[in-house]
């Protein structure tokens, strides 16, 4: 009796991919007639979400517009406050 191999051969991998592709093709072919009616039934449910999605996009854009200058100002303050290279700072004990 042979010991099982630790790694599958490339032909085993190709065979498995082929089997999975065939199975997914069969499922797609079987479920295709339900796709258009499902989309038409889901459309009335999705229409109220469009204004919410637009509102979310606007909020994200406004946050980015406000956050970018704040981030740049914070980086500028950090750069100004950081010690210069070669400049020694002495700490005074409290």
C-alpha atoms as a PDB file:
ATOM      1  CA  UNK A   1       0.000   0.000   0.000  1.00  0.00           C
ATOM      2  CA  UNK A   2       1.345   3.428  -0.918  1.00  0.00           C
ATOM      3  CA  UNK A   3       1.587   6.340   1.487  1.00  0.00           C
ATOM      4  CA  UNK A   4      -0.649   9.284   0.551  1.00  0.00           C
ATOM      5  CA  UNK A   5       1.079  12.191  -1.190  1.00  0.00           C
ATOM      6  CA  UNK A   6       1.374  15.439   0.718  1.00  0.00           C
ATOM      7  CA  UNK A   7       0.793  17.680  -2.315  1.00  0.00           C
ATOM      8  CA  UNK A   8      -1.619  17.061  -5.177  1.00  0.00           C
ATOM      9  CA  UNK A   9      -0.151  16.881  -8.640  1.00  0.00           C
ATOM     10  CA  UNK A  10      -0.922  19.596 -11.196  1.00  0.00           C
ATOM     11  CA  UNK A  11      -3.182  17.182 -13.079  1.00  0.00           C
ATOM     12  CA  UNK A  12      -5.191  16.553  -9.885  1.00  0.00           C
ATOM     13  CA  UNK A  13      -5.630  20.300  -9.413  1.00  0.00           C
ATOM     14  CA  UNK A  14      -6.677  20.744 -13.057  1.00  0.00           C
ATOM     15  CA  UNK A  15      -9.165  17.874 -12.739  1.00  0.00           C
ATOM     16  CA  UNK A  16     -10.681  19.398  -9.594  1.00  0.00           C
ATOM     17  CA  UNK A  17     -10.978  22.836 -11.234  1.00  0.00           C
ATOM     18  CA  UNK A  18     -12.620  21.214 -14.254  1.00  0.00           C
ATOM     19  CA  UNK A  19     -15.140  19.415 -12.044  1.00  0.00           C
ATOM     20  CA  UNK A  20     -15.971  22.585 -10.100  1.00  0.00           C
ATOM     21  CA  UNK A  21     -16.348  24.591 -13.315  1.00  0.00           C
ATOM     22  CA  UNK A  22     -18.728  21.998 -14.740  1.00  0.00           C
ATOM     23  CA  UNK A  23     -20.804  22.027 -11.554  1.00  0.00           C
ATOM     24  CA  UNK A  24     -21.000  25.821 -11.496  1.00  0.00           C
ATOM     25  CA  UNK A  25     -22.012  25.810 -15.172  1.00  0.00           C
ATOM     26  CA  UNK A  26     -24.833  23.383 -14.473  1.00  0.00           C
ATOM     27  CA  UNK A  27     -26.057  25.519 -11.549  1.00  0.00           C
ATOM     28  CA  UNK A  28     -25.880  28.695 -13.641  1.00  0.00           C
ATOM     29  CA  UNK A  29     -27.841  27.086 -16.466  1.00  0.00           C
ATOM     30  CA  UNK A  30     -30.470  25.780 -14.050  1.00  0.00           C
ATOM     31  CA  UNK A  31     -30.882  29.089 -12.199  1.00  0.00           C
ATOM     32  CA  UNK A  32     -30.724  31.421 -15.233  1.00  0.00           C
ATOM     33  CA  UNK A  33     -34.512  31.468 -15.857  1.00  0.00           C
ATOM     34  CA  UNK A  34     -35.027  32.841 -12.335  1.00  0.00           C
ATOM     35  CA  UNK A  35     -32.537  35.699 -12.723  1.00  0.00           C
ATOM     36  CA  UNK A  36     -34.705  38.242 -14.560  1.00  0.00           C
ATOM     37  CA  UNK A  37     -37.843  37.721 -12.427  1.00  0.00           C
ATOM     38  CA  UNK A  38     -35.719  37.943  -9.282  1.00  0.00           C
ATOM     39  CA  UNK A  39     -34.205  41.224 -10.462  1.00  0.00           C
ATOM     40  CA  UNK A  40     -37.628  42.611 -11.321  1.00  0.00           C
ATOM     41  CA  UNK A  41     -38.978  41.613  -7.905  1.00  0.00           C
ATOM     42  CA  UNK A  42     -35.956  43.112  -6.120  1.00  0.00           C
ATOM     43  CA  UNK A  43     -36.126  46.416  -8.024  1.00  0.00           C
ATOM     44  CA  UNK A  44     -38.968  47.924  -5.924  1.00  0.00           C
ATOM     45  CA  UNK A  45     -37.014  47.043  -2.800  1.00  0.00           C
ATOM     46  CA  UNK A  46     -33.846  48.701  -4.101  1.00  0.00           C
ATOM     47  CA  UNK A  47     -35.418  51.972  -5.302  1.00  0.00           C
ATOM     48  CA  UNK A  48     -35.855  53.430  -1.768  1.00  0.00           C
ATOM     49  CA  UNK A  49     -32.189  52.702  -1.072  1.00  0.00           C
ATOM     50  CA  UNK A  50     -30.937  54.939  -3.906  1.00  0.00           C
ATOM     51  CA  UNK A  51     -31.404  58.234  -1.978  1.00  0.00           C
ATOM     52  CA  UNK A  52     -29.733  56.663   1.056  1.00  0.00           C
ATOM     53  CA  UNK A  53     -26.779  55.597  -1.065  1.00  0.00           C
ATOM     54  CA  UNK A  54     -26.480  59.102  -2.526  1.00  0.00           C
ATOM     55  CA  UNK A  55     -26.640  60.585   0.974  1.00  0.00           C
ATOM     56  CA  UNK A  56     -23.913  58.215   2.148  1.00  0.00           C
ATOM     57  CA  UNK A  57     -21.702  59.215  -0.797  1.00  0.00           C
ATOM     58  CA  UNK A  58     -22.225  62.906   0.022  1.00  0.00           C
ATOM     59  CA  UNK A  59     -21.349  62.356   3.679  1.00  0.00           C
ATOM     60  CA  UNK A  60     -18.176  60.484   2.738  1.00  0.00           C
ATOM     61  CA  UNK A  61     -17.141  63.246   0.343  1.00  0.00           C
ATOM     62  CA  UNK A  62     -17.779  65.964   2.938  1.00  0.00           C
ATOM     63  CA  UNK A  63     -15.826  64.078   5.583  1.00  0.00           C
ATOM     64  CA  UNK A  64     -12.902  63.672   3.178  1.00  0.00           C
ATOM     65  CA  UNK A  65     -13.012  67.352   2.225  1.00  0.00           C
ATOM     66  CA  UNK A  66     -12.901  68.366   5.904  1.00  0.00           C
ATOM     67  CA  UNK A  67     -10.455  65.687   7.022  1.00  0.00           C
ATOM     68  CA  UNK A  68      -7.782  66.371   4.394  1.00  0.00           C
ATOM     69  CA  UNK A  69      -6.949  69.930   5.530  1.00  0.00           C
ATOM     70  CA  UNK A  70      -7.086  68.840   9.169  1.00  0.00           C
ATOM     71  CA  UNK A  71      -4.680  65.994   8.474  1.00  0.00           C
ATOM     72  CA  UNK A  72      -2.332  68.278   6.563  1.00  0.00           C
ATOM     73  CA  UNK A  73      -2.406  70.841   9.381  1.00  0.00           C
ATOM     74  CA  UNK A  74      -1.694  68.146  11.966  1.00  0.00           C
ATOM     75  CA  UNK A  75       1.258  66.871   9.939  1.00  0.00           C
ATOM     76  CA  UNK A  76       2.564  70.418   9.564  1.00  0.00           C
ATOM     77  CA  UNK A  77       2.311  71.019  13.320  1.00  0.00           C
ATOM     78  CA  UNK A  78       4.104  67.754  14.039  1.00  0.00           C
ATOM     79  CA  UNK A  79       6.846  68.665  11.591  1.00  0.00           C
ATOM     80  CA  UNK A  80       7.301  72.087  13.190  1.00  0.00           C
ATOM     81  CA  UNK A  81       7.308  70.696  16.731  1.00  0.00           C
ATOM     82  CA  UNK A  82       9.703  67.849  16.005  1.00  0.00           C
ATOM     83  CA  UNK A  83      13.310  68.560  16.928  1.00  0.00           C
ATOM     84  CA  UNK A  84      15.721  69.472  14.163  1.00  0.00           C
ATOM     85  CA  UNK A  85      18.304  66.823  13.237  1.00  0.00           C
ATOM     86  CA  UNK A  86      21.493  67.470  15.145  1.00  0.00           C
ATOM     87  CA  UNK A  87      19.714  69.644  17.721  1.00  0.00           C
ATOM     88  CA  UNK A  88      19.966  68.200  21.217  1.00  0.00           C
ATOM     89  CA  UNK A  89      17.096  68.614  23.588  1.00  0.00           C
ATOM     90  CA  UNK A  90      17.674  68.412  27.288  1.00  0.00           C
ATOM     91  CA  UNK A  91      14.932  67.195  29.523  1.00  0.00           C
ATOM     92  CA  UNK A  92      14.449  68.979  32.806  1.00  0.00           C
ATOM     93  CA  UNK A  93      13.336  66.730  35.685  1.00  0.00           C
ATOM     94  CA  UNK A  94      10.210  67.888  37.441  1.00  0.00           C
END
